[in-house]
Amino acid sequence: MDSINSDLDLLENLSKKISDLLYKNEFSKISDIDIQRKALIKKIKESQLKKNNIKVRISKLLENNNSMVRSTEKKLYKLSKDHNDFNKRLKAYSFNK
């Protein structure tokens, strides 16, 4: 998060420099600073896009994990029920002997 804050601070400073240069009528220096500013904006956008992509991937992982947990719980419940039914039948057969 410090990186994004430092990038935003740098962007603000570059914009202020451009404003100062405009005020002083020093137009020849503006294009170099504007190139830096545009590159910084692109970098910030790309980092935010990566952050959003990571959030989407984590969200999908959570959904898949929850789905697998529910599936496992259903299987455990069925196995437990089948096991209990088997034990009841076993007891019934053992009493009949």
PDB file of N, CA and C in Angstrom:
ATOM      1  N   MET A   1       0.822  -1.186   0.000  1.00  0.00           N
ATOM      2  CA  MET A   1       0.000   0.000   0.000  1.00  0.00           C
ATOM      3  C   MET A   1       0.869   1.253   0.000  1.00  0.00           C
ATOM      4  N   ASP A   2       2.072   1.164   0.550  1.00  0.00           N
ATOM      5  CA  ASP A   2       2.968   2.316   0.550  1.00  0.00           C
ATOM      6  C   ASP A   2       3.363   2.702  -0.867  1.00  0.00           C
ATOM      7  N   SER A   3       3.496   1.714  -1.730  1.00  0.00           N
ATOM      8  CA  SER A   3       3.884   1.968  -3.114  1.00  0.00           C
ATOM      9  C   SER A   3       2.834   2.817  -3.828  1.00  0.00           C
ATOM     10  N   ILE A   4       1.580   2.468  -3.655  1.00  0.00           N
ATOM     11  CA  ILE A   4       0.513   3.227  -4.315  1.00  0.00           C
ATOM     12  C   ILE A   4       0.455   4.647  -3.753  1.00  0.00           C
ATOM     13  N   ASN A   5       0.659   4.789  -2.453  1.00  0.00           N
ATOM     14  CA  ASN A   5       0.649   6.129  -1.853  1.00  0.00           C
ATOM     15  C   ASN A   5       1.816   6.969  -2.361  1.00  0.00           C
ATOM     16  N   SER A   6       2.982   6.363  -2.460  1.00  0.00           N
ATOM     17  CA  SER A   6       4.134   7.123  -2.963  1.00  0.00           C
ATOM     18  C   SER A   6       3.941   7.471  -4.432  1.00  0.00           C
ATOM     19  N   ASP A   7       3.333   6.549  -5.201  1.00  0.00           N
ATOM     20  CA  ASP A   7       3.051   6.852  -6.604  1.00  0.00           C
ATOM     21  C   ASP A   7       2.051   7.999  -6.730  1.00  0.00           C
ATOM     22  N   LEU A   8       1.032   7.982  -5.887  1.00  0.00           N
ATOM     23  CA  LEU A   8       0.047   9.068  -5.922  1.00  0.00           C
ATOM     24  C   LEU A   8       0.665  10.403  -5.493  1.00  0.00           C
ATOM     25  N   ASP A   9       1.556  10.366  -4.510  1.00  0.00           N
ATOM     26  CA  ASP A   9       2.255  11.592  -4.098  1.00  0.00           C
ATOM     27  C   ASP A   9       3.114  12.126  -5.242  1.00  0.00           C
ATOM     28  N   LEU A  10       3.824  11.227  -5.909  1.00  0.00           N
ATOM     29  CA  LEU A  10       4.662  11.628  -7.036  1.00  0.00           C
ATOM     30  C   LEU A  10       3.803  12.203  -8.161  1.00  0.00           C
ATOM     31  N   LEU A  11       2.670  11.573  -8.417  1.00  0.00           N
ATOM     32  CA  LEU A  11       1.756  12.076  -9.447  1.00  0.00           C
ATOM     33  C   LEU A  11       1.276  13.483  -9.102  1.00  0.00           C
ATOM     34  N   GLU A  12       0.955  13.694  -7.854  1.00  0.00           N
ATOM     35  CA  GLU A  12       0.516  15.022  -7.419  1.00  0.00           C
ATOM     36  C   GLU A  12       1.633  16.055  -7.606  1.00  0.00           C
ATOM     37  N   ASN A  13       2.852  15.669  -7.255  1.00  0.00           N
ATOM     38  CA  ASN A  13       3.987  16.593  -7.409  1.00  0.00           C
ATOM     39  C   ASN A  13       4.259  16.913  -8.881  1.00  0.00           C
ATOM     40  N   LEU A  14       4.140  15.906  -9.743  1.00  0.00           N
ATOM     41  CA  LEU A  14       4.346  16.151 -11.171  1.00  0.00           C
ATOM     42  C   LEU A  14       3.267  17.095 -11.710  1.00  0.00           C
ATOM     43  N   SER A  15       2.050  16.908 -11.269  1.00  0.00           N
ATOM     44  CA  SER A  15       0.965  17.796 -11.704  1.00  0.00           C
ATOM     45  C   SER A  15       1.192  19.220 -11.215  1.00  0.00           C
ATOM     46  N   LYS A  16       1.696  19.354 -10.016  1.00  0.00           N
ATOM     47  CA  LYS A  16       2.004  20.695  -9.491  1.00  0.00           C
ATOM     48  C   LYS A  16       3.120  21.346 -10.296  1.00  0.00           C
ATOM     49  N   LYS A  17       4.136  20.552 -10.660  1.00  0.00           N
ATOM     50  CA  LYS A  17       5.231  21.094 -11.472  1.00  0.00           C
ATOM     51  C   LYS A  17       4.710  21.598 -12.810  1.00  0.00           C
ATOM     52  N   ILE A  18       3.823  20.822 -13.432  1.00  0.00           N
ATOM     53  CA  ILE A  18       3.250  21.248 -14.707  1.00  0.00           C
ATOM     54  C   ILE A  18       2.468  22.539 -14.523  1.00  0.00           C
ATOM     55  N   SER A  19       1.713  22.618 -13.454  1.00  0.00           N
ATOM     56  CA  SER A  19       0.949  23.829 -13.177  1.00  0.00           C
ATOM     57  C   SER A  19       1.876  25.032 -12.986  1.00  0.00           C
ATOM     58  N   ASP A  20       2.950  24.814 -12.236  1.00  0.00           N
ATOM     59  CA  ASP A  20       3.923  25.904 -12.016  1.00  0.00           C
ATOM     60  C   ASP A  20       4.574  26.337 -13.332  1.00  0.00           C
ATOM     61  N   LEU A  21       4.908  25.365 -14.166  1.00  0.00           N
ATOM     62  CA  LEU A  21       5.530  25.688 -15.449  1.00  0.00           C
ATOM     63  C   LEU A  21       4.562  26.450 -16.355  1.00  0.00           C
ATOM     64  N   LEU A  22       3.302  26.063 -16.317  1.00  0.00           N
ATOM     65  CA  LEU A  22       2.295  26.799 -17.090  1.00  0.00           C
ATOM     66  C   LEU A  22       2.193  28.239 -16.602  1.00  0.00           C
ATOM     67  N   TYR A  23       2.222  28.404 -15.296  1.00  0.00           N
ATOM     68  CA  TYR A  23       2.130  29.739 -14.701  1.00  0.00           C
ATOM     69  C   TYR A  23       3.325  30.597 -15.117  1.00  0.00           C
ATOM     70  N   LYS A  24       4.504  29.972 -15.208  1.00  0.00           N
ATOM     71  CA  LYS A  24       5.734  30.701 -15.549  1.00  0.00           C
ATOM     72  C   LYS A  24       5.967  30.794 -17.066  1.00  0.00           C
ATOM     73  N   ASN A  25       5.034  30.258 -17.844  1.00  0.00           N
ATOM     74  CA  ASN A  25       5.162  30.254 -19.307  1.00  0.00           C
ATOM     75  C   ASN A  25       6.400  29.489 -19.791  1.00  0.00           C
ATOM     76  N   GLU A  26       6.765  28.438 -19.082  1.00  0.00           N
ATOM     77  CA  GLU A  26       7.900  27.601 -19.472  1.00  0.00           C
ATOM     78  C   GLU A  26       7.355  26.311 -20.096  1.00  0.00           C
ATOM     79  N   PHE A  27       6.820  26.441 -21.278  1.00  0.00           N
ATOM     80  CA  PHE A  27       6.105  25.335 -21.915  1.00  0.00           C
ATOM     81  C   PHE A  27       7.019  24.220 -22.418  1.00  0.00           C
ATOM     82  N   SER A  28       8.272  24.527 -22.662  1.00  0.00           N
ATOM     83  CA  SER A  28       9.173  23.524 -23.249  1.00  0.00           C
ATOM     84  C   SER A  28       9.455  22.364 -22.290  1.00  0.00           C
ATOM     85  N   LYS A  29       9.395  22.589 -21.013  1.00  0.00           N
ATOM     86  CA  LYS A  29       9.684  21.547 -20.023  1.00  0.00           C
ATOM     87  C   LYS A  29       8.461  20.673 -19.703  1.00  0.00           C
ATOM     88  N   ILE A  30       7.292  21.128 -20.099  1.00  0.00           N
ATOM     89  CA  ILE A  30       6.054  20.450 -19.713  1.00  0.00           C
ATOM     90  C   ILE A  30       5.945  19.058 -20.341  1.00  0.00           C
ATOM     91  N   SER A  31       6.351  18.913 -21.580  1.00  0.00           N
ATOM     92  CA  SER A  31       6.150  17.635 -22.275  1.00  0.00           C
ATOM     93  C   SER A  31       6.910  16.493 -21.597  1.00  0.00           C
ATOM     94  N   ASP A  32       8.129  16.757 -21.115  1.00  0.00           N
ATOM     95  CA  ASP A  32       8.899  15.707 -20.425  1.00  0.00           C
ATOM     96  C   ASP A  32       8.203  15.276 -19.133  1.00  0.00           C
ATOM     97  N   ILE A  33       7.736  16.240 -18.376  1.00  0.00           N
ATOM     98  CA  ILE A  33       7.051  15.937 -17.115  1.00  0.00           C
ATOM     99  C   ILE A  33       5.721  15.234 -17.394  1.00  0.00           C
ATOM    100  N   ASP A  34       5.049  15.656 -18.468  1.00  0.00           N
ATOM    101  CA  ASP A  34       3.773  15.035 -18.812  1.00  0.00           C
ATOM    102  C   ASP A  34       3.974  13.569 -19.211  1.00  0.00           C
ATOM    103  N   ILE A  35       5.054  13.252 -19.877  1.00  0.00           N
ATOM    104  CA  ILE A  35       5.360  11.864 -20.229  1.00  0.00           C
ATOM    105  C   ILE A  35       5.550  11.031 -18.958  1.00  0.00           C
ATOM    106  N   GLN A  36       6.278  11.595 -17.992  1.00  0.00           N
ATOM    107  CA  GLN A  36       6.465  10.905 -16.706  1.00  0.00           C
ATOM    108  C   GLN A  36       5.115  10.697 -16.003  1.00  0.00           C
ATOM    109  N   ARG A  37       4.306  11.733 -16.056  1.00  0.00           N
ATOM    110  CA  ARG A  37       2.994  11.682 -15.399  1.00  0.00           C
ATOM    111  C   ARG A  37       2.110  10.612 -16.027  1.00  0.00           C
ATOM    112  N   LYS A  38       2.087  10.553 -17.356  1.00  0.00           N
ATOM    113  CA  LYS A  38       1.275   9.545 -18.051  1.00  0.00           C
ATOM    114  C   LYS A  38       1.772   8.126 -17.759  1.00  0.00           C
ATOM    115  N   ALA A  39       3.096   7.959 -17.708  1.00  0.00           N
ATOM    116  CA  ALA A  39       3.656   6.637 -17.397  1.00  0.00           C
ATOM    117  C   ALA A  39       3.270   6.221 -15.977  1.00  0.00           C
ATOM    118  N   LEU A  40       3.289   7.163 -15.069  1.00  0.00           N
ATOM    119  CA  LEU A  40       2.915   6.885 -13.685  1.00  0.00           C
ATOM    120  C   LEU A  40       1.425   6.537 -13.574  1.00  0.00           C
ATOM    121  N   ILE A  41       0.590   7.238 -14.309  1.00  0.00           N
ATOM    122  CA  ILE A  41      -0.848   6.931 -14.315  1.00  0.00           C
ATOM    123  C   ILE A  41      -1.071   5.516 -14.846  1.00  0.00           C
ATOM    124  N   LYS A  42      -0.364   5.163 -15.913  1.00  0.00           N
ATOM    125  CA  LYS A  42      -0.484   3.814 -16.478  1.00  0.00           C
ATOM    126  C   LYS A  42      -0.057   2.762 -15.459  1.00  0.00           C
ATOM    127  N   LYS A  43       1.032   3.026 -14.752  1.00  0.00           N
ATOM    128  CA  LYS A  43       1.525   2.091 -13.733  1.00  0.00           C
ATOM    129  C   LYS A  43       0.486   1.904 -12.622  1.00  0.00           C
ATOM    130  N   ILE A  44      -0.117   2.997 -12.186  1.00  0.00           N
ATOM    131  CA  ILE A  44      -1.129   2.932 -11.122  1.00  0.00           C
ATOM    132  C   ILE A  44      -2.338   2.131 -11.594  1.00  0.00           C
ATOM    133  N   LYS A  45      -2.790   2.373 -12.825  1.00  0.00           N
ATOM    134  CA  LYS A  45      -3.937   1.633 -13.365  1.00  0.00           C
ATOM    135  C   LYS A  45      -3.633   0.142 -13.436  1.00  0.00           C
ATOM    136  N   GLU A  46      -2.428  -0.207 -13.912  1.00  0.00           N
ATOM    137  CA  GLU A  46      -2.061  -1.615 -14.036  1.00  0.00           C
ATOM    138  C   GLU A  46      -1.974  -2.292 -12.670  1.00  0.00           C
ATOM    139  N   SER A  47      -1.446  -1.588 -11.674  1.00  0.00           N
ATOM    140  CA  SER A  47      -1.344  -2.182 -10.336  1.00  0.00           C
ATOM    141  C   SER A  47      -2.739  -2.395  -9.741  1.00  0.00           C
ATOM    142  N   GLN A  48      -3.652  -1.467 -10.012  1.00  0.00           N
ATOM    143  CA  GLN A  48      -5.021  -1.635  -9.527  1.00  0.00           C
ATOM    144  C   GLN A  48      -5.710  -2.790 -10.245  1.00  0.00           C
ATOM    145  N   LEU A  49      -5.417  -2.953 -11.532  1.00  0.00           N
ATOM    146  CA  LEU A  49      -5.999  -4.062 -12.291  1.00  0.00           C
ATOM    147  C   LEU A  49      -5.496  -5.397 -11.740  1.00  0.00           C
ATOM    148  N   LYS A  50      -4.198  -5.460 -11.435  1.00  0.00           N
ATOM    149  CA  LYS A  50      -3.640  -6.683 -10.853  1.00  0.00           C
ATOM    150  C   LYS A  50      -4.285  -6.976  -9.506  1.00  0.00           C
ATOM    151  N   LYS A  51      -4.472  -5.923  -8.712  1.00  0.00           N
ATOM    152  CA  LYS A  51      -5.106  -6.101  -7.400  1.00  0.00           C
ATOM    153  C   LYS A  51      -6.525  -6.638  -7.562  1.00  0.00           C
ATOM    154  N   ASN A  52      -7.251  -6.107  -8.539  1.00  0.00           N
ATOM    155  CA  ASN A  52      -8.621  -6.580  -8.789  1.00  0.00           C
ATOM    156  C   ASN A  52      -8.614  -8.023  -9.272  1.00  0.00           C
ATOM    157  N   ASN A  53      -7.644  -8.373 -10.131  1.00  0.00           N
ATOM    158  CA  ASN A  53      -7.544  -9.752 -10.613  1.00  0.00           C
ATOM    159  C   ASN A  53      -7.262 -10.705  -9.460  1.00  0.00           C
ATOM    160  N   ILE A  54      -6.421 -10.287  -8.538  1.00  0.00           N
ATOM    161  CA  ILE A  54      -6.114 -11.120  -7.373  1.00  0.00           C
ATOM    162  C   ILE A  54      -7.371 -11.309  -6.523  1.00  0.00           C
ATOM    163  N   LYS A  55      -8.146 -10.236  -6.345  1.00  0.00           N
ATOM    164  CA  LYS A  55      -9.387 -10.337  -5.572  1.00  0.00           C
ATOM    165  C   LYS A  55     -10.346 -11.317  -6.225  1.00  0.00           C
ATOM    166  N   VAL A  56     -10.438 -11.269  -7.549  1.00  0.00           N
ATOM    167  CA  VAL A  56     -11.332 -12.183  -8.267  1.00  0.00           C
ATOM    168  C   VAL A  56     -10.869 -13.626  -8.077  1.00  0.00           C
ATOM    169  N   ARG A  57      -9.557 -13.855  -8.194  1.00  0.00           N
ATOM    170  CA  ARG A  57      -9.030 -15.211  -8.019  1.00  0.00           C
ATOM    171  C   ARG A  57      -9.285 -15.722  -6.606  1.00  0.00           C
ATOM    172  N   ILE A  58      -9.082 -14.878  -5.613  1.00  0.00           N
ATOM    173  CA  ILE A  58      -9.319 -15.288  -4.224  1.00  0.00           C
ATOM    174  C   ILE A  58     -10.798 -15.577  -4.015  1.00  0.00           C
ATOM    175  N   SER A  59     -11.648 -14.758  -4.599  1.00  0.00           N
ATOM    176  CA  SER A  59     -13.089 -14.976  -4.486  1.00  0.00           C
ATOM    177  C   SER A  59     -13.474 -16.328  -5.089  1.00  0.00           C
ATOM    178  N   LYS A  60     -12.923 -16.648  -6.247  1.00  0.00           N
ATOM    179  CA  LYS A  60     -13.205 -17.943  -6.881  1.00  0.00           C
ATOM    180  C   LYS A  60     -12.682 -19.091  -6.025  1.00  0.00           C
ATOM    181  N   LEU A  61     -11.493 -18.910  -5.446  1.00  0.00           N
ATOM    182  CA  LEU A  61     -10.948 -19.943  -4.570  1.00  0.00           C
ATOM    183  C   LEU A  61     -11.855 -20.176  -3.366  1.00  0.00           C
ATOM    184  N   LEU A  62     -12.362 -19.096  -2.792  1.00  0.00           N
ATOM    185  CA  LEU A  62     -13.272 -19.224  -1.650  1.00  0.00           C
ATOM    186  C   LEU A  62     -14.554 -19.953  -2.041  1.00  0.00           C
ATOM    187  N   GLU A  63     -15.094 -19.601  -3.210  1.00  0.00           N
ATOM    188  CA  GLU A  63     -16.306 -20.274  -3.670  1.00  0.00           C
ATOM    189  C   GLU A  63     -16.054 -21.769  -3.871  1.00  0.00           C
ATOM    190  N   ASN A  64     -14.932 -22.094  -4.524  1.00  0.00           N
ATOM    191  CA  ASN A  64     -14.596 -23.503  -4.746  1.00  0.00           C
ATOM    192  C   ASN A  64     -14.376 -24.233  -3.428  1.00  0.00           C
ATOM    193  N   ASN A  65     -13.709 -23.571  -2.510  1.00  0.00           N
ATOM    194  CA  ASN A  65     -13.450 -24.177  -1.208  1.00  0.00           C
ATOM    195  C   ASN A  65     -14.765 -24.448  -0.477  1.00  0.00           C
ATOM    196  N   ASN A  66     -15.664 -23.478  -0.477  1.00  0.00           N
ATOM    197  CA  ASN A  66     -16.961 -23.666   0.179  1.00  0.00           C
ATOM    198  C   ASN A  66     -17.746 -24.798  -0.466  1.00  0.00           C
ATOM    199  N   SER A  67     -17.687 -24.871  -1.779  1.00  0.00           N
ATOM    200  CA  SER A  67     -18.376 -25.945  -2.493  1.00  0.00           C
ATOM    201  C   SER A  67     -17.799 -27.307  -2.113  1.00  0.00           C
ATOM    202  N   MET A  68     -16.485 -27.405  -2.047  1.00  0.00           N
ATOM    203  CA  MET A  68     -15.850 -28.666  -1.674  1.00  0.00           C
ATOM    204  C   MET A  68     -16.173 -29.045  -0.229  1.00  0.00           C
ATOM    205  N   VAL A  69     -16.234 -28.061   0.664  1.00  0.00           N
ATOM    206  CA  VAL A  69     -16.576 -28.334   2.062  1.00  0.00           C
ATOM    207  C   VAL A  69     -18.003 -28.861   2.157  1.00  0.00           C
ATOM    208  N   ARG A  70     -18.942 -28.220   1.451  1.00  0.00           N
ATOM    209  CA  ARG A  70     -20.330 -28.694   1.462  1.00  0.00           C
ATOM    210  C   ARG A  70     -20.427 -30.116   0.912  1.00  0.00           C
ATOM    211  N   SER A  71     -19.722 -30.377  -0.178  1.00  0.00           N
ATOM    212  CA  SER A  71     -19.732 -31.713  -0.770  1.00  0.00           C
ATOM    213  C   SER A  71     -19.172 -32.746   0.205  1.00  0.00           C
ATOM    214  N   THR A  72     -18.085 -32.411   0.866  1.00  0.00           N
ATOM    215  CA  THR A  72     -17.474 -33.318   1.834  1.00  0.00           C
ATOM    216  C   THR A  72     -18.398 -33.551   3.016  1.00  0.00           C
ATOM    217  N   GLU A  73     -19.059 -32.500   3.483  1.00  0.00           N
ATOM    218  CA  GLU A  73     -20.003 -32.651   4.593  1.00  0.00           C
ATOM    219  C   GLU A  73     -21.147 -33.575   4.205  1.00  0.00           C
ATOM    220  N   LYS A  74     -21.649 -33.447   2.973  1.00  0.00           N
ATOM    221  CA  LYS A  74     -22.724 -34.337   2.506  1.00  0.00           C
ATOM    222  C   LYS A  74     -22.249 -35.787   2.466  1.00  0.00           C
ATOM    223  N   LYS A  75     -21.032 -35.993   1.979  1.00  0.00           N
ATOM    224  CA  LYS A  75     -20.487 -37.351   1.912  1.00  0.00           C
ATOM    225  C   LYS A  75     -20.306 -37.933   3.312  1.00  0.00           C
ATOM    226  N   LEU A  76     -19.792 -37.112   4.221  1.00  0.00           N
ATOM    227  CA  LEU A  76     -19.612 -37.576   5.604  1.00  0.00           C
ATOM    228  C   LEU A  76     -20.951 -37.926   6.239  1.00  0.00           C
ATOM    229  N   TYR A  77     -21.960 -37.105   5.988  1.00  0.00           N
ATOM    230  CA  TYR A  77     -23.282 -37.375   6.543  1.00  0.00           C
ATOM    231  C   TYR A  77     -23.825 -38.699   5.991  1.00  0.00           C
ATOM    232  N   LYS A  78     -23.689 -38.904   4.672  1.00  0.00           N
ATOM    233  CA  LYS A  78     -24.174 -40.144   4.053  1.00  0.00           C
ATOM    234  C   LYS A  78     -23.414 -41.351   4.609  1.00  0.00           C
ATOM    235  N   LEU A  79     -22.072 -41.229   4.723  1.00  0.00           N
ATOM    236  CA  LEU A  79     -21.295 -42.333   5.280  1.00  0.00           C
ATOM    237  C   LEU A  79     -21.701 -42.639   6.718  1.00  0.00           C
ATOM    238  N   SER A  80     -21.916 -41.600   7.500  1.00  0.00           N
ATOM    239  CA  SER A  80     -22.325 -41.782   8.891  1.00  0.00           C
ATOM    240  C   SER A  80     -23.692 -42.453   8.965  1.00  0.00           C
ATOM    241  N   LYS A  81     -24.617 -42.007   8.115  1.00  0.00           N
ATOM    242  CA  LYS A  81     -25.959 -42.595   8.087  1.00  0.00           C
ATOM    243  C   LYS A  81     -25.885 -44.060   7.667  1.00  0.00           C
ATOM    244  N   ASP A  82     -25.111 -44.343   6.621  1.00  0.00           N
ATOM    245  CA  ASP A  82     -24.954 -45.729   6.160  1.00  0.00           C
ATOM    246  C   ASP A  82     -24.309 -46.588   7.252  1.00  0.00           C
ATOM    247  N   HIS A  83     -23.349 -46.035   7.941  1.00  0.00           N
ATOM    248  CA  HIS A  83     -22.678 -46.766   9.014  1.00  0.00           C
ATOM    249  C   HIS A  83     -23.661 -47.079  10.156  1.00  0.00           C
ATOM    250  N   ASN A  84     -24.475 -46.101  10.519  1.00  0.00           N
ATOM    251  CA  ASN A  84     -25.475 -46.310  11.573  1.00  0.00           C
ATOM    252  C   ASN A  84     -26.504 -47.363  11.155  1.00  0.00           C
ATOM    253  N   ASP A  85     -26.942 -47.299   9.904  1.00  0.00           N
ATOM    254  CA  ASP A  85     -27.890 -48.305   9.397  1.00  0.00           C
ATOM    255  C   ASP A  85     -27.257 -49.697   9.436  1.00  0.00           C
ATOM    256  N   PHE A  86     -25.978 -49.772   9.045  1.00  0.00           N
ATOM    257  CA  PHE A  86     -25.275 -51.053   9.068  1.00  0.00           C
ATOM    258  C   PHE A  86     -25.189 -51.598  10.492  1.00  0.00           C
ATOM    259  N   ASN A  87     -24.869 -50.729  11.443  1.00  0.00           N
ATOM    260  CA  ASN A  87     -24.784 -51.151  12.851  1.00  0.00           C
ATOM    261  C   ASN A  87     -26.138 -51.645  13.367  1.00  0.00           C
ATOM    262  N   LYS A  88     -27.215 -50.977  12.977  1.00  0.00           N
ATOM    263  CA  LYS A  88     -28.552 -51.407  13.400  1.00  0.00           C
ATOM    264  C   LYS A  88     -28.873 -52.794  12.836  1.00  0.00           C
ATOM    265  N   ARG A  89     -28.555 -53.014  11.541  1.00  0.00           N
ATOM    266  CA  ARG A  89     -28.794 -54.330  10.940  1.00  0.00           C
ATOM    267  C   ARG A  89     -27.943 -55.402  11.611  1.00  0.00           C
ATOM    268  N   LEU A  90     -26.701 -55.063  11.901  1.00  0.00           N
ATOM    269  CA  LEU A  90     -25.791 -56.017  12.550  1.00  0.00           C
ATOM    270  C   LEU A  90     -26.334 -56.413  13.914  1.00  0.00           C
ATOM    271  N   LYS A  91     -26.821 -55.408  14.678  1.00  0.00           N
ATOM    272  CA  LYS A  91     -27.402 -55.720  15.986  1.00  0.00           C
ATOM    273  C   LYS A  91     -28.641 -56.588  15.833  1.00  0.00           C
ATOM    274  N   ALA A  92     -29.470 -56.286  14.841  1.00  0.00           N
ATOM    275  CA  ALA A  92     -30.692 -57.066  14.624  1.00  0.00           C
ATOM    276  C   ALA A  92     -30.353 -58.519  14.283  1.00  0.00           C
ATOM    277  N   TYR A  93     -29.336 -58.740  13.448  1.00  0.00           N
ATOM    278  CA  TYR A  93     -28.937 -60.107  13.087  1.00  0.00           C
ATOM    279  C   TYR A  93     -28.326 -60.844  14.281  1.00  0.00           C
ATOM    280  N   SER A  94     -27.569 -60.102  15.092  1.00  0.00           N
ATOM    281  CA  SER A  94     -26.929 -60.744  16.230  1.00  0.00           C
ATOM    282  C   SER A  94     -27.959 -61.150  17.300  1.00  0.00           C
ATOM    283  N   PHE A  95     -29.065 -60.427  17.432  1.00  0.00           N
ATOM    284  CA  PHE A  95     -30.106 -60.785  18.404  1.00  0.00           C
ATOM    285  C   PHE A  95     -30.914 -61.998  17.919  1.00  0.00           C
ATOM    286  N   ASN A  96     -30.985 -62.194  16.621  1.00  0.00           N
ATOM    287  CA  ASN A  96     -31.765 -63.294  16.067  1.00  0.00           C
ATOM    288  C   ASN A  96     -31.031 -64.632  16.142  1.00  0.00           C
ATOM    289  N   LYS A  97     -29.782 -64.661  16.391  1.00  0.00           N
ATOM    290  CA  LYS A  97     -29.028 -65.919  16.443  1.00  0.00           C
ATOM    291  C   LYS A  97     -29.244 -66.615  17.705  1.00  0.00           C
TER     292      LYS A  97
END
